[in-house]
Amino acid sequence: MPAAPLFRRDEVVYLKSSASIGKLEAYKISSMKQVQNGRWLYRIDISKKPPDQGLIGDSFDSRISESPLFYVEAELITACEALDIICTQFRSKVERLEAQVASRCSESDAPIVGPNEPRWSIGDSIYFDASARIGFMHHDCVVSIFEIGIQPKTRQIRYGYKVRGVPSPNVFFREDELITYCEAASFALEACNRDLDAAESKRTSLCGPSI
């Protein structure tokens, strides 16, 4: 007898690939078909989205249809399975960051500079404050430094920095946007712990306590 599909029409499923990077991505199954004995293919229709720019004229529907997505069973999981994977990913990331902080950050790695001197030098490896605060250790290298003005109240010189990974001449970073490895690791660890707590709370509310 042919194997029945694991999921049903209108059932909400989650992408295993998204869960493996800490994302809970849900879709509703539109239909399914058996492509060979025991192997089912699931169709997911994406809701229409607004156009990139406004339309002019007599249009009966200004929204744009998305192409359907197709997945095999091995790519789809339940909410509880997805949350189990996500919690495991965040635990691993927290443990890795804790080990890195313990081994590399017993003391501050902030550069020591004098008044009105730039905090960074050309060739310095820097991390991005905004990325670290959401859990990512995104780093780059300083390639250019220039003065961008005077801080009105403190009269301190402000500097701008260009980095290797952003070749655009119009993009630069302020000093307060660039941080050291240990500063970034500390922010990233805080963010990952928050994400882990949120994922574990959601898993408990939907699926009950872990065994």
C-alpha atoms as a PDB file:
ATOM      1  CA  MET A   1       0.000   0.000   0.000  1.00  0.00           C
ATOM      2  CA  PRO A   2       1.385   3.458  -0.898  1.00  0.00           C
ATOM      3  CA  ALA A   3       2.587   5.470   2.102  1.00  0.00           C
ATOM      4  CA  ALA A   4       0.238   8.249   3.236  1.00  0.00           C
ATOM      5  CA  PRO A   5       1.561  11.825   3.226  1.00  0.00           C
ATOM      6  CA  LEU A   6       3.099  12.976   6.494  1.00  0.00           C
ATOM      7  CA  PHE A   7       1.422  16.403   6.213  1.00  0.00           C
ATOM      8  CA  ARG A   8      -2.059  17.417   5.084  1.00  0.00           C
ATOM      9  CA  ARG A   9      -3.640  20.217   3.052  1.00  0.00           C
ATOM     10  CA  ASP A  10      -3.860  23.507   5.039  1.00  0.00           C
ATOM     11  CA  GLU A  11      -1.481  22.182   7.691  1.00  0.00           C
ATOM     12  CA  VAL A  12       1.152  24.666   8.875  1.00  0.00           C
ATOM     13  CA  VAL A  13       4.687  23.341   8.481  1.00  0.00           C
ATOM     14  CA  TYR A  14       8.157  24.743   9.100  1.00  0.00           C
ATOM     15  CA  LEU A  15      11.342  24.732   7.062  1.00  0.00           C
ATOM     16  CA  LYS A  16      14.083  22.531   8.494  1.00  0.00           C
ATOM     17  CA  SER A  17      16.750  24.621   6.741  1.00  0.00           C
ATOM     18  CA  SER A  18      15.514  27.814   8.416  1.00  0.00           C
ATOM     19  CA  ALA A  19      15.375  26.184  11.852  1.00  0.00           C
ATOM     20  CA  SER A  20      18.995  25.084  11.435  1.00  0.00           C
ATOM     21  CA  ILE A  21      20.042  28.763  11.365  1.00  0.00           C
ATOM     22  CA  GLY A  22      17.736  29.785  14.228  1.00  0.00           C
ATOM     23  CA  LYS A  23      14.731  30.985  12.208  1.00  0.00           C
ATOM     24  CA  LEU A  24      11.132  29.847  12.664  1.00  0.00           C
ATOM     25  CA  GLU A  25       9.697  30.023   9.136  1.00  0.00           C
ATOM     26  CA  ALA A  26       6.133  28.766   8.712  1.00  0.00           C
ATOM     27  CA  TYR A  27       4.088  27.941   5.597  1.00  0.00           C
ATOM     28  CA  LYS A  28       0.653  26.478   4.951  1.00  0.00           C
ATOM     29  CA  ILE A  29       0.431  23.511   2.591  1.00  0.00           C
ATOM     30  CA  SER A  30      -1.760  24.178  -0.447  1.00  0.00           C
ATOM     31  CA  SER A  31      -1.697  20.684  -1.926  1.00  0.00           C
ATOM     32  CA  MET A  32       0.471  17.603  -2.255  1.00  0.00           C
ATOM     33  CA  LYS A  33       1.091  14.863  -4.781  1.00  0.00           C
ATOM     34  CA  GLN A  34       2.921  11.583  -4.764  1.00  0.00           C
ATOM     35  CA  VAL A  35       5.758  11.702  -7.289  1.00  0.00           C
ATOM     36  CA  GLN A  36       6.844   8.117  -6.662  1.00  0.00           C
ATOM     37  CA  ASN A  37       5.968   5.377  -4.191  1.00  0.00           C
ATOM     38  CA  GLY A  38       6.421   6.763  -0.677  1.00  0.00           C
ATOM     39  CA  ARG A  39       7.669  10.164  -1.885  1.00  0.00           C
ATOM     40  CA  TRP A  40       5.374  13.163  -1.616  1.00  0.00           C
ATOM     41  CA  LEU A  41       5.844  16.663  -2.967  1.00  0.00           C
ATOM     42  CA  TYR A  42       4.157  19.538  -1.135  1.00  0.00           C
ATOM     43  CA  ARG A  43       3.038  22.749  -2.793  1.00  0.00           C
ATOM     44  CA  ILE A  44       2.984  26.058  -0.916  1.00  0.00           C
ATOM     45  CA  ASP A  45       1.291  29.065  -2.489  1.00  0.00           C
ATOM     46  CA  ILE A  46       2.678  32.442  -1.460  1.00  0.00           C
ATOM     47  CA  SER A  47       0.240  35.292  -0.877  1.00  0.00           C
ATOM     48  CA  LYS A  48       0.284  38.078  -3.407  1.00  0.00           C
ATOM     49  CA  LYS A  49       2.492  41.041  -2.559  1.00  0.00           C
ATOM     50  CA  PRO A  50       2.277  44.760  -3.409  1.00  0.00           C
ATOM     51  CA  PRO A  51       4.178  45.896  -6.517  1.00  0.00           C
ATOM     52  CA  ASP A  52       7.607  47.488  -6.150  1.00  0.00           C
ATOM     53  CA  GLN A  53       6.158  50.782  -7.349  1.00  0.00           C
ATOM     54  CA  GLY A  54       2.689  52.223  -7.659  1.00  0.00           C
ATOM     55  CA  LEU A  55       0.610  51.356 -10.711  1.00  0.00           C
ATOM     56  CA  ILE A  56      -1.287  53.912 -12.778  1.00  0.00           C
ATOM     57  CA  GLY A  57      -4.440  53.144 -14.697  1.00  0.00           C
ATOM     58  CA  ASP A  58      -7.425  50.841 -14.422  1.00  0.00           C
ATOM     59  CA  SER A  59      -5.976  47.774 -12.726  1.00  0.00           C
ATOM     60  CA  PHE A  60      -8.349  45.174 -11.275  1.00  0.00           C
ATOM     61  CA  ASP A  61      -5.607  43.830  -8.997  1.00  0.00           C
ATOM     62  CA  SER A  62      -2.416  45.740  -8.266  1.00  0.00           C
ATOM     63  CA  ARG A  63      -0.855  42.911  -6.283  1.00  0.00           C
ATOM     64  CA  ILE A  64       1.730  40.586  -7.800  1.00  0.00           C
ATOM     65  CA  SER A  65       1.495  36.796  -7.665  1.00  0.00           C
ATOM     66  CA  GLU A  66       4.460  34.848  -6.308  1.00  0.00           C
ATOM     67  CA  SER A  67       5.473  31.532  -7.832  1.00  0.00           C
ATOM     68  CA  PRO A  68       4.507  28.510  -5.688  1.00  0.00           C
ATOM     69  CA  LEU A  69       7.151  26.684  -3.679  1.00  0.00           C
ATOM     70  CA  PHE A  70       7.618  22.913  -3.639  1.00  0.00           C
ATOM     71  CA  TYR A  71       9.200  20.828  -0.873  1.00  0.00           C
ATOM     72  CA  VAL A  72       9.720  17.145  -0.158  1.00  0.00           C
ATOM     73  CA  GLU A  73       8.889  15.732   3.278  1.00  0.00           C
ATOM     74  CA  ALA A  74      12.488  15.743   4.471  1.00  0.00           C
ATOM     75  CA  GLU A  75      12.548  19.547   4.160  1.00  0.00           C
ATOM     76  CA  LEU A  76       9.455  20.119   6.307  1.00  0.00           C
ATOM     77  CA  ILE A  77       8.989  19.708  10.064  1.00  0.00           C
ATOM     78  CA  THR A  78       6.483  20.531  12.790  1.00  0.00           C
ATOM     79  CA  ALA A  79       6.635  23.580  15.044  1.00  0.00           C
ATOM     80  CA  CYS A  80       7.961  21.539  17.975  1.00  0.00           C
ATOM     81  CA  GLU A  81      10.654  19.909  15.841  1.00  0.00           C
ATOM     82  CA  ALA A  82      11.661  23.323  14.513  1.00  0.00           C
ATOM     83  CA  LEU A  83      11.850  24.814  18.009  1.00  0.00           C
ATOM     84  CA  ASP A  84      13.927  21.862  19.232  1.00  0.00           C
ATOM     85  CA  ILE A  85      16.442  22.530  16.453  1.00  0.00           C
ATOM     86  CA  ILE A  86      16.431  26.288  17.104  1.00  0.00           C
ATOM     87  CA  CYS A  87      17.029  25.834  20.840  1.00  0.00           C
ATOM     88  CA  THR A  88      19.901  23.457  20.114  1.00  0.00           C
ATOM     89  CA  GLN A  89      21.433  25.958  17.697  1.00  0.00           C
ATOM     90  CA  PHE A  90      21.222  28.828  20.194  1.00  0.00           C
ATOM     91  CA  ARG A  91      22.641  26.679  23.022  1.00  0.00           C
ATOM     92  CA  SER A  92      25.610  25.758  20.847  1.00  0.00           C
ATOM     93  CA  LYS A  93      26.161  29.381  19.889  1.00  0.00           C
ATOM     94  CA  VAL A  94      25.995  30.541  23.518  1.00  0.00           C
ATOM     95  CA  GLU A  95      28.474  27.859  24.600  1.00  0.00           C
ATOM     96  CA  ARG A  96      30.833  28.779  21.767  1.00  0.00           C
ATOM     97  CA  LEU A  97      30.726  32.496  22.585  1.00  0.00           C
ATOM     98  CA  GLU A  98      31.184  31.834  26.308  1.00  0.00           C
ATOM     99  CA  ALA A  99      34.297  29.770  25.562  1.00  0.00           C
ATOM    100  CA  GLN A 100      35.677  32.467  23.254  1.00  0.00           C
ATOM    101  CA  VAL A 101      35.063  35.237  25.784  1.00  0.00           C
ATOM    102  CA  ALA A 102      36.695  33.171  28.553  1.00  0.00           C
ATOM    103  CA  SER A 103      39.791  32.446  26.470  1.00  0.00           C
ATOM    104  CA  ARG A 104      40.272  35.824  24.778  1.00  0.00           C
ATOM    105  CA  CYS A 105      38.689  38.487  26.937  1.00  0.00           C
ATOM    106  CA  SER A 106      40.055  38.305  30.475  1.00  0.00           C
ATOM    107  CA  GLU A 107      41.037  41.958  29.988  1.00  0.00           C
ATOM    108  CA  SER A 108      39.664  44.754  27.827  1.00  0.00           C
ATOM    109  CA  ASP A 109      40.963  44.801  24.260  1.00  0.00           C
ATOM    110  CA  ALA A 110      39.955  48.427  23.690  1.00  0.00           C
ATOM    111  CA  PRO A 111      42.774  50.469  22.090  1.00  0.00           C
ATOM    112  CA  ILE A 112      44.357  53.173  24.244  1.00  0.00           C
ATOM    113  CA  VAL A 113      44.367  56.535  22.459  1.00  0.00           C
ATOM    114  CA  GLY A 114      44.988  60.128  23.430  1.00  0.00           C
ATOM    115  CA  PRO A 115      42.558  63.046  23.195  1.00  0.00           C
ATOM    116  CA  ASN A 116      41.374  63.762  19.655  1.00  0.00           C
ATOM    117  CA  GLU A 117      43.214  60.714  18.264  1.00  0.00           C
ATOM    118  CA  PRO A 118      41.250  58.197  16.178  1.00  0.00           C
ATOM    119  CA  ARG A 119      40.370  55.034  18.049  1.00  0.00           C
ATOM    120  CA  TRP A 120      41.276  52.828  15.076  1.00  0.00           C
ATOM    121  CA  SER A 121      44.228  52.579  12.719  1.00  0.00           C
ATOM    122  CA  ILE A 122      44.411  51.427   9.115  1.00  0.00           C
ATOM    123  CA  GLY A 123      44.659  47.651   9.091  1.00  0.00           C
ATOM    124  CA  ASP A 124      42.822  47.182  12.400  1.00  0.00           C
ATOM    125  CA  SER A 125      40.285  44.354  12.557  1.00  0.00           C
ATOM    126  CA  ILE A 126      36.987  45.786  13.782  1.00  0.00           C
ATOM    127  CA  TYR A 127      33.506  44.471  14.576  1.00  0.00           C
ATOM    128  CA  PHE A 128      30.151  46.142  14.002  1.00  0.00           C
ATOM    129  CA  ASP A 129      28.134  47.257  17.013  1.00  0.00           C
ATOM    130  CA  ALA A 130      24.755  46.877  15.274  1.00  0.00           C
ATOM    131  CA  SER A 131      25.483  43.298  14.182  1.00  0.00           C
ATOM    132  CA  ALA A 132      26.834  42.242  17.579  1.00  0.00           C
ATOM    133  CA  ARG A 133      23.711  43.484  19.352  1.00  0.00           C
ATOM    134  CA  ILE A 134      21.581  41.016  17.374  1.00  0.00           C
ATOM    135  CA  GLY A 135      23.992  38.120  17.863  1.00  0.00           C
ATOM    136  CA  PHE A 136      26.324  38.261  14.858  1.00  0.00           C
ATOM    137  CA  MET A 137      30.114  38.602  15.008  1.00  0.00           C
ATOM    138  CA  HIS A 138      30.515  40.498  11.738  1.00  0.00           C
ATOM    139  CA  HIS A 139      34.033  41.857  11.299  1.00  0.00           C
ATOM    140  CA  ASP A 140      36.081  43.736   8.718  1.00  0.00           C
ATOM    141  CA  CYS A 141      39.300  45.717   8.307  1.00  0.00           C
ATOM    142  CA  VAL A 142      39.845  49.494   8.380  1.00  0.00           C
ATOM    143  CA  VAL A 143      41.238  50.806   5.084  1.00  0.00           C
ATOM    144  CA  SER A 144      40.791  54.586   5.409  1.00  0.00           C
ATOM    145  CA  ILE A 145      40.345  57.193   8.162  1.00  0.00           C
ATOM    146  CA  PHE A 146      39.248  60.812   7.865  1.00  0.00           C
ATOM    147  CA  GLU A 147      37.989  63.632  10.086  1.00  0.00           C
ATOM    148  CA  ILE A 148      34.252  64.330   9.866  1.00  0.00           C
ATOM    149  CA  GLY A 149      33.877  67.255  12.271  1.00  0.00           C
ATOM    150  CA  ILE A 150      33.923  68.484  15.848  1.00  0.00           C
ATOM    151  CA  GLN A 151      31.569  67.271  18.591  1.00  0.00           C
ATOM    152  CA  PRO A 152      29.775  70.531  19.567  1.00  0.00           C
ATOM    153  CA  LYS A 153      29.742  70.139  23.369  1.00  0.00           C
ATOM    154  CA  THR A 154      33.017  68.326  23.957  1.00  0.00           C
ATOM    155  CA  ARG A 155      34.918  69.954  21.068  1.00  0.00           C
ATOM    156  CA  GLN A 156      36.330  66.481  20.388  1.00  0.00           C
ATOM    157  CA  ILE A 157      37.303  65.558  16.843  1.00  0.00           C
ATOM    158  CA  ARG A 158      35.081  62.941  15.245  1.00  0.00           C
ATOM    159  CA  TYR A 159      36.463  60.430  12.736  1.00  0.00           C
ATOM    160  CA  GLY A 160      34.953  58.384   9.948  1.00  0.00           C
ATOM    161  CA  TYR A 161      36.203  54.988   8.796  1.00  0.00           C
ATOM    162  CA  LYS A 162      35.941  53.056   5.573  1.00  0.00           C
ATOM    163  CA  VAL A 163      36.241  49.284   5.673  1.00  0.00           C
ATOM    164  CA  ARG A 164      37.403  46.725   3.151  1.00  0.00           C
ATOM    165  CA  GLY A 165      34.082  44.940   2.733  1.00  0.00           C
ATOM    166  CA  VAL A 166      32.175  48.107   1.735  1.00  0.00           C
ATOM    167  CA  PRO A 167      33.839  49.488  -1.403  1.00  0.00           C
ATOM    168  CA  SER A 168      31.268  52.245  -1.965  1.00  0.00           C
ATOM    169  CA  PRO A 169      32.973  55.662  -1.560  1.00  0.00           C
ATOM    170  CA  ASN A 170      29.827  57.111   0.042  1.00  0.00           C
ATOM    171  CA  VAL A 171      29.611  54.612   2.898  1.00  0.00           C
ATOM    172  CA  PHE A 172      31.622  55.075   6.075  1.00  0.00           C
ATOM    173  CA  PHE A 173      31.275  54.314   9.785  1.00  0.00           C
ATOM    174  CA  ARG A 174      31.484  56.464  12.895  1.00  0.00           C
ATOM    175  CA  GLU A 175      33.715  55.452  15.792  1.00  0.00           C
ATOM    176  CA  ASP A 176      30.743  54.431  17.929  1.00  0.00           C
ATOM    177  CA  GLU A 177      29.622  52.001  15.214  1.00  0.00           C
ATOM    178  CA  LEU A 178      32.882  50.027  15.342  1.00  0.00           C
ATOM    179  CA  ILE A 179      33.906  47.941  18.350  1.00  0.00           C
ATOM    180  CA  THR A 180      36.550  45.445  19.460  1.00  0.00           C
ATOM    181  CA  TYR A 181      36.255  41.663  19.392  1.00  0.00           C
ATOM    182  CA  CYS A 182      35.576  41.421  23.134  1.00  0.00           C
ATOM    183  CA  GLU A 183      32.976  44.189  23.049  1.00  0.00           C
ATOM    184  CA  ALA A 184      31.255  42.458  20.128  1.00  0.00           C
ATOM    185  CA  ALA A 185      31.412  39.031  21.779  1.00  0.00           C
ATOM    186  CA  SER A 186      29.833  40.420  24.944  1.00  0.00           C
ATOM    187  CA  PHE A 187      26.948  42.022  23.030  1.00  0.00           C
ATOM    188  CA  ALA A 188      26.489  38.920  20.848  1.00  0.00           C
ATOM    189  CA  LEU A 189      26.406  36.656  23.906  1.00  0.00           C
ATOM    190  CA  GLU A 190      23.695  38.802  25.505  1.00  0.00           C
ATOM    191  CA  ALA A 191      21.654  38.686  22.288  1.00  0.00           C
ATOM    192  CA  CYS A 192      22.024  34.911  21.903  1.00  0.00           C
ATOM    193  CA  ASN A 193      20.976  34.327  25.508  1.00  0.00           C
ATOM    194  CA  ARG A 194      17.864  36.448  24.908  1.00  0.00           C
ATOM    195  CA  ASP A 195      17.080  34.501  21.739  1.00  0.00           C
ATOM    196  CA  LEU A 196      17.605  31.193  23.545  1.00  0.00           C
ATOM    197  CA  ASP A 197      15.311  32.225  26.403  1.00  0.00           C
ATOM    198  CA  ALA A 198      12.631  33.311  23.911  1.00  0.00           C
ATOM    199  CA  ALA A 199      12.897  30.083  21.905  1.00  0.00           C
ATOM    200  CA  GLU A 200      12.772  27.881  25.009  1.00  0.00           C
ATOM    201  CA  SER A 201       9.761  29.804  26.340  1.00  0.00           C
ATOM    202  CA  LYS A 202       7.938  29.427  23.017  1.00  0.00           C
ATOM    203  CA  ARG A 203       8.793  25.742  22.842  1.00  0.00           C
ATOM    204  CA  THR A 204       7.464  25.149  26.364  1.00  0.00           C
ATOM    205  CA  SER A 205       4.230  27.041  25.669  1.00  0.00           C
ATOM    206  CA  LEU A 206       3.550  25.160  22.414  1.00  0.00           C
ATOM    207  CA  CYS A 207       5.022  21.744  23.080  1.00  0.00           C
ATOM    208  CA  GLY A 208       5.381  21.324  26.829  1.00  0.00           C
ATOM    209  CA  PRO A 209       8.644  20.941  28.776  1.00  0.00           C
ATOM    210  CA  SER A 210      11.561  19.194  27.120  1.00  0.00           C
ATOM    211  CA  ILE A 211      12.145  15.605  28.151  1.00  0.00           C
END
